[in-house]
Amino acid sequence: MITVAVDGMGGDNAPACMVQGAVDAINKNSSIKVLLTGRPDDLNKALEGLTYDKSRLEIVPASEVIETGAPPVESVRTKKDSSLVVGLKLVKEQKADAFVSCGSTGAVLVGGQLIAGKIKGVKRAPLAPVIPTVNGAMLLVDCGANVDARAEQLVQFAKMGSIYAEHVMGIKNPRVGIVNIGAEEEKGNALVKETYPLLKECSDINFIGNVEARDIPYGPCDVLVCEAFVGNVILKLYEGVGSALIKEIKSAMLSTTAGKIGGLLAKPSLKGVVKKFDASEYGGAPLLGLKGLVVKAHGSSKAKEVTTAIEQCVSFTEADIAAKIEKSLSV
């Protein structure tokens, strides 16, 4: 049985979507148990009318909530009975194998490192979302945790990302690339120029070199390494362009009678394309390098994303990624 703690009060759609996502997860997979953290009255109300195995869903009381805009460090230290902190403590105390939250990204990052704790040898814990590409899913490391990372930290990101891609995503000998402004080895800023030769020398990763931004949607590699400022810009631009394109295509199809007819004919094919590039299909972003698994899902996540994030925790735990990362860094 894999036990996953879920922040019942975190996110724009809490607690309803957190609760529904948790119920859907245990109904789909009999090996999952969920510990919902939050205000019991709110969580019980959201559970009304839902059918599920009550022996595999438990409410863990937490009276406080860390708001999205609150200062992360101060909130984690002062709101010790918040749904987020209580969930992280469950991981630290090994009462849960993993923790999922759609709440404050800053608080999840701070709390994950302070409470769950980093694996010995890990310098920084990166946030690693899976992003869709034409050639399948790709892991982006880091997308928001370390905006001033150093070269040796990016090398660790590459190693941890490679382990995750192989054992959770099922990609054998995953290709690792680094974000740059050109394909040539000598290009880039000081950080990239320092990191490139270090990655090139790593015998335990399959480094393929530089990846330009325009090539990212085509999936030239399986693990894409960068510091968090660049990664966050890539992620947000990805989301924005995708949303804008879908909006424009719908608008064009509905603007004329011919467009409406064509849209109806193309709808089945378009559904497949939209699904392939739908972030909800890939779950949340794991915070790699911690002693326990912490997954940050999007703040606007609906029940489907929460369910996928919980299922993601099962794969991570069964593959024993934390132990594999620790072994890799100790070599």
C-alpha atoms as a PDB file:
ATOM      1  CA  MET A   1       0.000   0.000   0.000  1.00  0.00           C
ATOM      2  CA  ILE A   2       1.400   3.401  -1.051  1.00  0.00           C
ATOM      3  CA  THR A   3       0.294   6.193   1.281  1.00  0.00           C
ATOM      4  CA  VAL A   4       0.021   9.667  -0.230  1.00  0.00           C
ATOM      5  CA  ALA A   5      -0.678  12.797   1.829  1.00  0.00           C
ATOM      6  CA  VAL A   6      -2.710  15.390  -0.076  1.00  0.00           C
ATOM      7  CA  ASP A   7      -2.952  19.070   0.854  1.00  0.00           C
ATOM      8  CA  GLY A   8      -6.733  19.316   1.024  1.00  0.00           C
ATOM      9  CA  MET A   9      -6.772  23.103   1.411  1.00  0.00           C
ATOM     10  CA  GLY A  10      -4.122  24.112  -1.164  1.00  0.00           C
ATOM     11  CA  GLY A  11      -4.949  25.469  -4.616  1.00  0.00           C
ATOM     12  CA  ASP A  12      -7.569  27.579  -6.361  1.00  0.00           C
ATOM     13  CA  ASN A  13     -10.136  24.771  -6.382  1.00  0.00           C
ATOM     14  CA  ALA A  14      -9.674  23.438  -2.853  1.00  0.00           C
ATOM     15  CA  PRO A  15     -11.062  21.535  -1.140  1.00  0.00           C
ATOM     16  CA  ALA A  16     -13.567  20.179  -3.725  1.00  0.00           C
ATOM     17  CA  CYS A  17     -11.093  19.195  -6.455  1.00  0.00           C
ATOM     18  CA  MET A  18      -8.492  17.926  -3.990  1.00  0.00           C
ATOM     19  CA  VAL A  19     -11.093  15.655  -2.405  1.00  0.00           C
ATOM     20  CA  GLN A  20     -12.544  14.474  -5.732  1.00  0.00           C
ATOM     21  CA  GLY A  21      -9.051  13.798  -7.088  1.00  0.00           C
ATOM     22  CA  ALA A  22      -8.138  11.779  -4.000  1.00  0.00           C
ATOM     23  CA  VAL A  23     -11.345   9.725  -4.190  1.00  0.00           C
ATOM     24  CA  ASP A  24     -10.838   9.055  -7.910  1.00  0.00           C
ATOM     25  CA  ALA A  25      -7.261   7.914  -7.234  1.00  0.00           C
ATOM     26  CA  ILE A  26      -8.201   5.327  -4.606  1.00  0.00           C
ATOM     27  CA  ASN A  27     -11.141   4.143  -6.699  1.00  0.00           C
ATOM     28  CA  LYS A  28      -8.810   3.573  -9.661  1.00  0.00           C
ATOM     29  CA  ASN A  29      -5.963   1.940  -7.752  1.00  0.00           C
ATOM     30  CA  SER A  30      -6.495  -0.425  -4.832  1.00  0.00           C
ATOM     31  CA  SER A  31      -2.870  -0.047  -3.679  1.00  0.00           C
ATOM     32  CA  ILE A  32      -3.289   3.662  -2.805  1.00  0.00           C
ATOM     33  CA  LYS A  33      -4.212   5.137   0.576  1.00  0.00           C
ATOM     34  CA  VAL A  34      -4.743   8.904   0.900  1.00  0.00           C
ATOM     35  CA  LEU A  35      -4.283  11.118   3.960  1.00  0.00           C
ATOM     36  CA  LEU A  36      -6.191  14.359   3.351  1.00  0.00           C
ATOM     37  CA  THR A  37      -4.837  17.245   5.419  1.00  0.00           C
ATOM     38  CA  GLY A  38      -7.005  20.222   6.263  1.00  0.00           C
ATOM     39  CA  ARG A  39     -10.051  21.454   8.121  1.00  0.00           C
ATOM     40  CA  PRO A  40     -12.199  18.387   8.872  1.00  0.00           C
ATOM     41  CA  ASP A  41     -15.542  20.193   8.457  1.00  0.00           C
ATOM     42  CA  ASP A  42     -14.601  21.474   4.978  1.00  0.00           C
ATOM     43  CA  LEU A  43     -13.163  18.138   3.865  1.00  0.00           C
ATOM     44  CA  ASN A  44     -16.092  16.089   5.168  1.00  0.00           C
ATOM     45  CA  LYS A  45     -18.518  18.398   3.396  1.00  0.00           C
ATOM     46  CA  ALA A  46     -16.631  17.895   0.123  1.00  0.00           C
ATOM     47  CA  LEU A  47     -16.742  14.102   0.680  1.00  0.00           C
ATOM     48  CA  GLU A  48     -20.540  14.049   1.039  1.00  0.00           C
ATOM     49  CA  GLY A  49     -22.172  11.939  -1.652  1.00  0.00           C
ATOM     50  CA  LEU A  50     -18.902  10.406  -2.886  1.00  0.00           C
ATOM     51  CA  THR A  51     -18.445   6.628  -2.948  1.00  0.00           C
ATOM     52  CA  TYR A  52     -15.056   5.278  -1.870  1.00  0.00           C
ATOM     53  CA  ASP A  53     -13.309   2.770   0.399  1.00  0.00           C
ATOM     54  CA  LYS A  54     -13.328   4.597   3.737  1.00  0.00           C
ATOM     55  CA  SER A  55     -10.499   2.418   5.044  1.00  0.00           C
ATOM     56  CA  ARG A  56      -8.170   3.970   2.437  1.00  0.00           C
ATOM     57  CA  LEU A  57      -8.986   7.640   2.930  1.00  0.00           C
ATOM     58  CA  GLU A  58      -8.281   9.374   6.199  1.00  0.00           C
ATOM     59  CA  ILE A  59      -8.601  13.022   7.245  1.00  0.00           C
ATOM     60  CA  VAL A  60      -5.643  14.438   9.162  1.00  0.00           C
ATOM     61  CA  PRO A  61      -6.774  17.652  10.908  1.00  0.00           C
ATOM     62  CA  ALA A  62      -4.965  20.913  10.133  1.00  0.00           C
ATOM     63  CA  SER A  63      -6.535  24.187  11.253  1.00  0.00           C
ATOM     64  CA  GLU A  64      -4.504  26.658   9.150  1.00  0.00           C
ATOM     65  CA  VAL A  65      -4.009  27.427   5.457  1.00  0.00           C
ATOM     66  CA  ILE A  66      -0.951  28.981   3.786  1.00  0.00           C
ATOM     67  CA  GLU A  67      -2.252  31.425   1.203  1.00  0.00           C
ATOM     68  CA  THR A  68      -0.613  31.616  -2.235  1.00  0.00           C
ATOM     69  CA  GLY A  69       0.752  35.139  -1.780  1.00  0.00           C
ATOM     70  CA  ALA A  70       2.071  34.649   1.769  1.00  0.00           C
ATOM     71  CA  PRO A  71       5.845  34.832   2.457  1.00  0.00           C
ATOM     72  CA  PRO A  72       6.994  31.185   2.105  1.00  0.00           C
ATOM     73  CA  VAL A  73       9.684  30.964   4.805  1.00  0.00           C
ATOM     74  CA  GLU A  74       7.666  32.860   7.418  1.00  0.00           C
ATOM     75  CA  SER A  75       4.506  30.875   6.614  1.00  0.00           C
ATOM     76  CA  VAL A  76       6.206  27.485   6.937  1.00  0.00           C
ATOM     77  CA  ARG A  77       7.792  28.499  10.247  1.00  0.00           C
ATOM     78  CA  THR A  78       4.740  30.144  11.827  1.00  0.00           C
ATOM     79  CA  LYS A  79       1.804  28.150  10.437  1.00  0.00           C
ATOM     80  CA  LYS A  80       2.852  24.800  11.829  1.00  0.00           C
ATOM     81  CA  ASP A  81      -0.737  23.527  11.803  1.00  0.00           C
ATOM     82  CA  SER A  82      -1.345  24.406   8.164  1.00  0.00           C
ATOM     83  CA  SER A  83      -2.499  21.688   5.759  1.00  0.00           C
ATOM     84  CA  LEU A  84       0.781  22.044   3.849  1.00  0.00           C
ATOM     85  CA  VAL A  85       3.131  21.745   6.832  1.00  0.00           C
ATOM     86  CA  VAL A  86       1.118  18.915   8.396  1.00  0.00           C
ATOM     87  CA  GLY A  87       1.329  17.006   5.089  1.00  0.00           C
ATOM     88  CA  LEU A  88       5.089  17.473   4.847  1.00  0.00           C
ATOM     89  CA  LYS A  89       5.509  16.283   8.442  1.00  0.00           C
ATOM     90  CA  LEU A  90       3.682  13.072   7.539  1.00  0.00           C
ATOM     91  CA  VAL A  91       6.395  12.423   4.945  1.00  0.00           C
ATOM     92  CA  LYS A  92       9.180  13.306   7.387  1.00  0.00           C
ATOM     93  CA  GLU A  93       7.734  10.966  10.017  1.00  0.00           C
ATOM     94  CA  GLN A  94       7.357   8.249   7.338  1.00  0.00           C
ATOM     95  CA  LYS A  95       3.618   8.085   7.873  1.00  0.00           C
ATOM     96  CA  ALA A  96       3.232   8.928   4.179  1.00  0.00           C
ATOM     97  CA  ASP A  97       5.386   7.946   1.202  1.00  0.00           C
ATOM     98  CA  ALA A  98       4.651  11.167  -0.668  1.00  0.00           C
ATOM     99  CA  PHE A  99       2.950  14.546  -0.449  1.00  0.00           C
ATOM    100  CA  VAL A 100       0.945  16.354  -3.146  1.00  0.00           C
ATOM    101  CA  SER A 101      -0.013  20.030  -2.973  1.00  0.00           C
ATOM    102  CA  CYS A 102      -1.591  22.546  -5.341  1.00  0.00           C
ATOM    103  CA  GLY A 103      -0.846  25.334  -2.851  1.00  0.00           C
ATOM    104  CA  SER A 104       1.874  27.975  -2.614  1.00  0.00           C
ATOM    105  CA  THR A 105       4.852  26.969  -4.756  1.00  0.00           C
ATOM    106  CA  GLY A 106       7.247  28.887  -2.527  1.00  0.00           C
ATOM    107  CA  ALA A 107       5.949  27.221   0.626  1.00  0.00           C
ATOM    108  CA  VAL A 108       6.152  23.757  -0.971  1.00  0.00           C
ATOM    109  CA  LEU A 109       9.766  24.397  -2.030  1.00  0.00           C
ATOM    110  CA  VAL A 110      10.812  25.797   1.352  1.00  0.00           C
ATOM    111  CA  GLY A 111       8.868  23.237   3.365  1.00  0.00           C
ATOM    112  CA  GLY A 112      10.049  20.343   1.240  1.00  0.00           C
ATOM    113  CA  GLN A 113      13.698  21.118   1.942  1.00  0.00           C
ATOM    114  CA  LEU A 114      13.291  22.197   5.581  1.00  0.00           C
ATOM    115  CA  ILE A 115      10.815  19.547   6.708  1.00  0.00           C
ATOM    116  CA  ALA A 116      11.115  16.524   4.401  1.00  0.00           C
ATOM    117  CA  GLY A 117      14.855  17.158   4.087  1.00  0.00           C
ATOM    118  CA  LYS A 118      17.368  16.705   1.272  1.00  0.00           C
ATOM    119  CA  ILE A 119      19.133  13.461   0.453  1.00  0.00           C
ATOM    120  CA  LYS A 120      22.761  13.413   1.611  1.00  0.00           C
ATOM    121  CA  GLY A 121      24.937  14.918  -1.100  1.00  0.00           C
ATOM    122  CA  VAL A 122      22.173  16.893  -2.832  1.00  0.00           C
ATOM    123  CA  LYS A 123      23.169  20.557  -3.112  1.00  0.00           C
ATOM    124  CA  ARG A 124      19.802  21.906  -4.324  1.00  0.00           C
ATOM    125  CA  ALA A 125      16.438  20.245  -4.917  1.00  0.00           C
ATOM    126  CA  PRO A 126      15.039  21.138  -8.370  1.00  0.00           C
ATOM    127  CA  LEU A 127      11.396  21.249  -9.438  1.00  0.00           C
ATOM    128  CA  ALA A 128      10.953  18.974 -12.441  1.00  0.00           C
ATOM    129  CA  PRO A 129       7.688  19.095 -14.399  1.00  0.00           C
ATOM    130  CA  VAL A 130       6.982  16.830 -17.362  1.00  0.00           C
ATOM    131  CA  ILE A 131       6.147  18.836 -20.467  1.00  0.00           C
ATOM    132  CA  PRO A 132       4.525  17.468 -23.646  1.00  0.00           C
ATOM    133  CA  THR A 133       6.369  17.456 -26.989  1.00  0.00           C
ATOM    134  CA  VAL A 134       5.744  16.094 -30.483  1.00  0.00           C
ATOM    135  CA  ASN A 135       7.970  13.128 -29.639  1.00  0.00           C
ATOM    136  CA  GLY A 136       6.503  12.392 -26.211  1.00  0.00           C
ATOM    137  CA  ALA A 137       7.012  13.704 -22.688  1.00  0.00           C
ATOM    138  CA  MET A 138      10.151  15.564 -21.602  1.00  0.00           C
ATOM    139  CA  LEU A 139      11.376  16.388 -18.086  1.00  0.00           C
ATOM    140  CA  LEU A 140      12.290  20.053 -17.498  1.00  0.00           C
ATOM    141  CA  VAL A 141      14.785  20.498 -14.647  1.00  0.00           C
ATOM    142  CA  ASP A 142      14.614  23.129 -12.971  1.00  0.00           C
ATOM    143  CA  CYS A 143      11.439  25.173 -13.481  1.00  0.00           C
ATOM    144  CA  GLY A 144      11.211  27.278 -10.336  1.00  0.00           C
ATOM    145  CA  ALA A 145      13.238  26.222  -7.310  1.00  0.00           C
ATOM    146  CA  ASN A 146      16.768  27.588  -7.885  1.00  0.00           C
ATOM    147  CA  VAL A 147      17.017  30.830  -9.858  1.00  0.00           C
ATOM    148  CA  ASP A 148      20.733  31.283  -9.188  1.00  0.00           C
ATOM    149  CA  ALA A 149      22.015  27.738  -9.566  1.00  0.00           C
ATOM    150  CA  ARG A 150      25.702  26.946 -10.087  1.00  0.00           C
ATOM    151  CA  ALA A 151      27.293  24.631 -12.620  1.00  0.00           C
ATOM    152  CA  GLU A 152      27.816  21.707 -10.236  1.00  0.00           C
ATOM    153  CA  GLN A 153      24.156  21.966  -9.219  1.00  0.00           C
ATOM    154  CA  LEU A 154      23.002  21.759 -12.842  1.00  0.00           C
ATOM    155  CA  VAL A 155      25.095  18.601 -13.202  1.00  0.00           C
ATOM    156  CA  GLN A 156      23.224  17.104 -10.239  1.00  0.00           C
ATOM    157  CA  PHE A 157      19.918  18.179 -11.832  1.00  0.00           C
ATOM    158  CA  ALA A 158      20.930  16.266 -14.957  1.00  0.00           C
ATOM    159  CA  LYS A 159      21.767  13.123 -12.974  1.00  0.00           C
ATOM    160  CA  MET A 160      18.588  13.213 -10.877  1.00  0.00           C
ATOM    161  CA  GLY A 161      16.444  13.993 -13.917  1.00  0.00           C
ATOM    162  CA  SER A 162      18.005  11.124 -15.846  1.00  0.00           C
ATOM    163  CA  ILE A 163      17.220   8.685 -13.016  1.00  0.00           C
ATOM    164  CA  TYR A 164      13.612   9.908 -12.844  1.00  0.00           C
ATOM    165  CA  ALA A 165      13.141   9.720 -16.623  1.00  0.00           C
ATOM    166  CA  GLU A 166      14.454   6.159 -16.765  1.00  0.00           C
ATOM    167  CA  HIS A 167      12.708   4.634 -13.761  1.00  0.00           C
ATOM    168  CA  VAL A 168       9.424   6.591 -13.577  1.00  0.00           C
ATOM    169  CA  MET A 169       8.847   7.648 -17.190  1.00  0.00           C
ATOM    170  CA  GLY A 170      10.245   4.374 -18.559  1.00  0.00           C
ATOM    171  CA  ILE A 171      12.782   5.933 -20.938  1.00  0.00           C
ATOM    172  CA  LYS A 172      15.871   3.759 -21.409  1.00  0.00           C
ATOM    173  CA  ASN A 173      19.165   5.677 -21.488  1.00  0.00           C
ATOM    174  CA  PRO A 174      17.396   9.095 -21.517  1.00  0.00           C
ATOM    175  CA  ARG A 175      18.966  11.860 -23.596  1.00  0.00           C
ATOM    176  CA  VAL A 176      20.015  14.905 -21.584  1.00  0.00           C
ATOM    177  CA  GLY A 177      20.274  18.387 -23.092  1.00  0.00           C
ATOM    178  CA  ILE A 178      21.003  21.867 -21.741  1.00  0.00           C
ATOM    179  CA  VAL A 179      19.068  24.991 -22.754  1.00  0.00           C
ATOM    180  CA  ASN A 180      21.187  27.392 -24.788  1.00  0.00           C
ATOM    181  CA  ILE A 181      20.900  30.149 -27.398  1.00  0.00           C
ATOM    182  CA  GLY A 182      22.714  28.124 -30.041  1.00  0.00           C
ATOM    183  CA  ALA A 183      23.785  24.602 -30.927  1.00  0.00           C
ATOM    184  CA  GLU A 184      27.515  25.373 -30.835  1.00  0.00           C
ATOM    185  CA  GLU A 185      29.435  24.315 -27.725  1.00  0.00           C
ATOM    186  CA  GLU A 186      31.077  27.718 -27.240  1.00  0.00           C
ATOM    187  CA  LYS A 187      27.763  29.635 -27.069  1.00  0.00           C
ATOM    188  CA  GLY A 188      25.819  30.666 -23.987  1.00  0.00           C
ATOM    189  CA  ASN A 189      26.162  32.696 -20.809  1.00  0.00           C
ATOM    190  CA  ALA A 190      28.829  32.062 -18.181  1.00  0.00           C
ATOM    191  CA  LEU A 191      26.751  29.424 -16.363  1.00  0.00           C
ATOM    192  CA  VAL A 192      26.038  27.361 -19.476  1.00  0.00           C
ATOM    193  CA  LYS A 193      29.642  27.619 -20.705  1.00  0.00           C
ATOM    194  CA  GLU A 194      30.865  26.322 -17.348  1.00  0.00           C
ATOM    195  CA  THR A 195      28.254  23.560 -17.141  1.00  0.00           C
ATOM    196  CA  TYR A 196      28.575  22.172 -20.679  1.00  0.00           C
ATOM    197  CA  PRO A 197      32.023  20.532 -20.301  1.00  0.00           C
ATOM    198  CA  LEU A 198      31.041  19.111 -16.908  1.00  0.00           C
ATOM    199  CA  LEU A 199      27.996  17.416 -18.426  1.00  0.00           C
ATOM    200  CA  LYS A 200      30.094  16.236 -21.348  1.00  0.00           C
ATOM    201  CA  GLU A 201      32.458  14.471 -18.930  1.00  0.00           C
ATOM    202  CA  CYS A 202      29.663  12.660 -17.027  1.00  0.00           C
ATOM    203  CA  SER A 203      29.814   8.968 -17.866  1.00  0.00           C
ATOM    204  CA  ASP A 204      26.530   8.179 -16.111  1.00  0.00           C
ATOM    205  CA  ILE A 205      24.297  10.381 -18.294  1.00  0.00           C
ATOM    206  CA  ASN A 206      23.577  10.421 -22.031  1.00  0.00           C
ATOM    207  CA  PHE A 207      24.435  14.069 -22.747  1.00  0.00           C
ATOM    208  CA  ILE A 208      23.527  15.237 -26.278  1.00  0.00           C
ATOM    209  CA  GLY A 209      24.539  18.918 -26.008  1.00  0.00           C
ATOM    210  CA  ASN A 210      22.721  22.228 -26.428  1.00  0.00           C
ATOM    211  CA  VAL A 211      18.995  22.618 -27.094  1.00  0.00           C
ATOM    212  CA  GLU A 212      17.584  25.844 -28.512  1.00  0.00           C
ATOM    213  CA  ALA A 213      14.182  27.089 -27.339  1.00  0.00           C
ATOM    214  CA  ARG A 214      12.546  26.698 -30.755  1.00  0.00           C
ATOM    215  CA  ASP A 215      13.390  22.978 -30.751  1.00  0.00           C
ATOM    216  CA  ILE A 216      11.894  22.212 -27.328  1.00  0.00           C
ATOM    217  CA  PRO A 217       8.329  21.444 -28.583  1.00  0.00           C
ATOM    218  CA  TYR A 218       9.778  18.783 -30.898  1.00  0.00           C
ATOM    219  CA  GLY A 219      11.355  16.830 -28.026  1.00  0.00           C
ATOM    220  CA  PRO A 220      15.045  16.698 -28.988  1.00  0.00           C
ATOM    221  CA  CYS A 221      15.888  15.157 -25.601  1.00  0.00           C
ATOM    222  CA  ASP A 222      14.212  13.441 -22.647  1.00  0.00           C
ATOM    223  CA  VAL A 223      15.681  15.584 -19.841  1.00  0.00           C
ATOM    224  CA  LEU A 224      16.202  19.311 -20.387  1.00  0.00           C
ATOM    225  CA  VAL A 225      18.461  21.066 -17.868  1.00  0.00           C
ATOM    226  CA  CYS A 226      18.480  24.770 -16.987  1.00  0.00           C
ATOM    227  CA  GLU A 227      18.431  27.058 -13.980  1.00  0.00           C
ATOM    228  CA  ALA A 228      15.011  27.948 -12.608  1.00  0.00           C
ATOM    229  CA  PHE A 229      14.615  31.443 -14.098  1.00  0.00           C
ATOM    230  CA  VAL A 230      15.014  30.100 -17.636  1.00  0.00           C
ATOM    231  CA  GLY A 231      12.950  27.004 -16.849  1.00  0.00           C
ATOM    232  CA  ASN A 232      10.057  28.994 -15.451  1.00  0.00           C
ATOM    233  CA  VAL A 233       9.995  31.282 -18.502  1.00  0.00           C
ATOM    234  CA  ILE A 234       9.939  28.219 -20.782  1.00  0.00           C
ATOM    235  CA  LEU A 235       7.115  26.604 -18.792  1.00  0.00           C
ATOM    236  CA  LYS A 236       4.935  29.727 -18.628  1.00  0.00           C
ATOM    237  CA  LEU A 237       5.492  30.555 -22.314  1.00  0.00           C
ATOM    238  CA  TYR A 238       4.638  26.956 -23.203  1.00  0.00           C
ATOM    239  CA  GLU A 239       1.351  27.203 -21.298  1.00  0.00           C
ATOM    240  CA  GLY A 240       0.490  30.625 -22.716  1.00  0.00           C
ATOM    241  CA  VAL A 241       1.197  29.815 -26.366  1.00  0.00           C
ATOM    242  CA  GLY A 242      -0.708  26.536 -26.126  1.00  0.00           C
ATOM    243  CA  SER A 243      -3.737  28.227 -24.603  1.00  0.00           C
ATOM    244  CA  ALA A 244      -3.651  31.076 -27.135  1.00  0.00           C
ATOM    245  CA  LEU A 245      -3.397  28.719 -30.125  1.00  0.00           C
ATOM    246  CA  ILE A 246      -6.365  26.629 -28.967  1.00  0.00           C
ATOM    247  CA  LYS A 247      -8.405  29.801 -28.442  1.00  0.00           C
ATOM    248  CA  GLU A 248      -7.537  31.138 -31.915  1.00  0.00           C
ATOM    249  CA  ILE A 249      -8.292  27.812 -33.634  1.00  0.00           C
ATOM    250  CA  LYS A 250     -11.706  27.621 -31.937  1.00  0.00           C
ATOM    251  CA  SER A 251     -12.447  31.232 -32.872  1.00  0.00           C
ATOM    252  CA  ALA A 252     -11.503  30.661 -36.513  1.00  0.00           C
ATOM    253  CA  MET A 253     -13.638  27.532 -36.764  1.00  0.00           C
ATOM    254  CA  LEU A 254     -16.695  29.260 -35.324  1.00  0.00           C
ATOM    255  CA  SER A 255     -16.373  32.413 -37.438  1.00  0.00           C
ATOM    256  CA  THR A 256     -17.986  30.986 -40.609  1.00  0.00           C
ATOM    257  CA  THR A 257     -20.435  28.255 -41.571  1.00  0.00           C
ATOM    258  CA  ALA A 258     -17.717  26.451 -43.534  1.00  0.00           C
ATOM    259  CA  GLY A 259     -15.428  26.691 -40.506  1.00  0.00           C
ATOM    260  CA  LYS A 260     -18.074  25.161 -38.260  1.00  0.00           C
ATOM    261  CA  ILE A 261     -18.582  22.237 -40.656  1.00  0.00           C
ATOM    262  CA  GLY A 262     -14.831  21.746 -41.002  1.00  0.00           C
ATOM    263  CA  GLY A 263     -14.472  21.953 -37.236  1.00  0.00           C
ATOM    264  CA  LEU A 264     -17.009  19.174 -36.717  1.00  0.00           C
ATOM    265  CA  LEU A 265     -15.177  16.964 -39.203  1.00  0.00           C
ATOM    266  CA  ALA A 266     -11.785  17.699 -37.643  1.00  0.00           C
ATOM    267  CA  LYS A 267     -12.954  17.485 -34.023  1.00  0.00           C
ATOM    268  CA  PRO A 268     -11.968  13.828 -33.387  1.00  0.00           C
ATOM    269  CA  SER A 269      -8.424  14.401 -34.696  1.00  0.00           C
ATOM    270  CA  LEU A 270      -8.037  17.691 -32.851  1.00  0.00           C
ATOM    271  CA  LYS A 271      -9.123  16.048 -29.587  1.00  0.00           C
ATOM    272  CA  GLY A 272      -6.192  13.660 -29.835  1.00  0.00           C
ATOM    273  CA  VAL A 273      -3.734  16.507 -30.426  1.00  0.00           C
ATOM    274  CA  VAL A 274      -5.116  18.576 -27.550  1.00  0.00           C
ATOM    275  CA  LYS A 275      -4.959  15.561 -25.224  1.00  0.00           C
ATOM    276  CA  LYS A 276      -1.311  14.935 -26.175  1.00  0.00           C
ATOM    277  CA  PHE A 277      -0.409  18.493 -25.168  1.00  0.00           C
ATOM    278  CA  ASP A 278      -2.673  18.604 -22.102  1.00  0.00           C
ATOM    279  CA  ALA A 279      -0.596  19.179 -18.944  1.00  0.00           C
ATOM    280  CA  SER A 280      -3.231  17.409 -16.829  1.00  0.00           C
ATOM    281  CA  GLU A 281      -2.161  14.120 -18.443  1.00  0.00           C
ATOM    282  CA  TYR A 282       1.286  14.351 -16.816  1.00  0.00           C
ATOM    283  CA  GLY A 283       0.598  15.104 -13.144  1.00  0.00           C
ATOM    284  CA  GLY A 284       2.610  17.528 -11.029  1.00  0.00           C
ATOM    285  CA  ALA A 285       6.261  18.507 -10.739  1.00  0.00           C
ATOM    286  CA  PRO A 286       8.322  16.391  -8.309  1.00  0.00           C
ATOM    287  CA  LEU A 287      10.857  18.162  -6.096  1.00  0.00           C
ATOM    288  CA  LEU A 288      13.819  15.893  -6.799  1.00  0.00           C
ATOM    289  CA  GLY A 289      16.536  15.145  -4.270  1.00  0.00           C
ATOM    290  CA  LEU A 290      14.428  14.939  -1.105  1.00  0.00           C
ATOM    291  CA  LYS A 291      14.289  12.035   1.354  1.00  0.00           C
ATOM    292  CA  GLY A 292      10.579  11.676   0.615  1.00  0.00           C
ATOM    293  CA  LEU A 293       8.590  12.562  -2.492  1.00  0.00           C
ATOM    294  CA  VAL A 294       7.027  16.027  -2.670  1.00  0.00           C
ATOM    295  CA  VAL A 295       4.951  16.871  -5.756  1.00  0.00           C
ATOM    296  CA  LYS A 296       3.793  20.380  -6.652  1.00  0.00           C
ATOM    297  CA  ALA A 297       0.714  20.418  -8.869  1.00  0.00           C
ATOM    298  CA  HIS A 298      -0.549  23.540 -10.644  1.00  0.00           C
ATOM    299  CA  GLY A 299      -2.509  25.968  -8.478  1.00  0.00           C
ATOM    300  CA  SER A 300      -5.508  25.794 -10.806  1.00  0.00           C
ATOM    301  CA  SER A 301      -5.526  21.982 -10.929  1.00  0.00           C
ATOM    302  CA  LYS A 302      -8.843  20.205 -11.216  1.00  0.00           C
ATOM    303  CA  ALA A 303      -9.622  16.727  -9.881  1.00  0.00           C
ATOM    304  CA  LYS A 304      -8.036  14.981 -12.889  1.00  0.00           C
ATOM    305  CA  GLU A 305      -4.640  16.641 -12.307  1.00  0.00           C
ATOM    306  CA  VAL A 306      -4.759  15.750  -8.609  1.00  0.00           C
ATOM    307  CA  THR A 307      -5.525  12.109  -9.434  1.00  0.00           C
ATOM    308  CA  THR A 308      -2.666  11.965 -11.954  1.00  0.00           C
ATOM    309  CA  ALA A 309      -0.267  13.508  -9.424  1.00  0.00           C
ATOM    310  CA  ILE A 310      -1.238  10.891  -6.812  1.00  0.00           C
ATOM    311  CA  GLU A 311      -0.736   8.081  -9.349  1.00  0.00           C
ATOM    312  CA  GLN A 312       2.662   9.598 -10.183  1.00  0.00           C
ATOM    313  CA  CYS A 313       3.659   9.139  -6.538  1.00  0.00           C
ATOM    314  CA  VAL A 314       3.049   5.396  -6.815  1.00  0.00           C
ATOM    315  CA  SER A 315       5.505   5.026  -9.723  1.00  0.00           C
ATOM    316  CA  PHE A 316       8.112   7.140  -7.910  1.00  0.00           C
ATOM    317  CA  THR A 317       7.807   5.168  -4.671  1.00  0.00           C
ATOM    318  CA  GLU A 318       7.784   1.743  -6.306  1.00  0.00           C
ATOM    319  CA  ALA A 319      10.943   2.640  -8.269  1.00  0.00           C
ATOM    320  CA  ASP A 320      12.627   3.826  -5.027  1.00  0.00           C
ATOM    321  CA  ILE A 321      13.925   6.962  -6.758  1.00  0.00           C
ATOM    322  CA  ALA A 322      15.284   8.547  -3.571  1.00  0.00           C
ATOM    323  CA  ALA A 323      17.587   5.570  -2.945  1.00  0.00           C
ATOM    324  CA  LYS A 324      18.735   5.550  -6.568  1.00  0.00           C
ATOM    325  CA  ILE A 325      19.558   9.277  -6.428  1.00  0.00           C
ATOM    326  CA  GLU A 326      21.490   8.840  -3.181  1.00  0.00           C
ATOM    327  CA  LYS A 327      23.471   5.958  -4.638  1.00  0.00           C
ATOM    328  CA  SER A 328      24.224   7.924  -7.829  1.00  0.00           C
ATOM    329  CA  LEU A 329      25.554  10.951  -5.920  1.00  0.00           C
ATOM    330  CA  SER A 330      27.689   8.843  -3.603  1.00  0.00           C
ATOM    331  CA  VAL A 331      29.681   7.331  -6.463  1.00  0.00           C
END
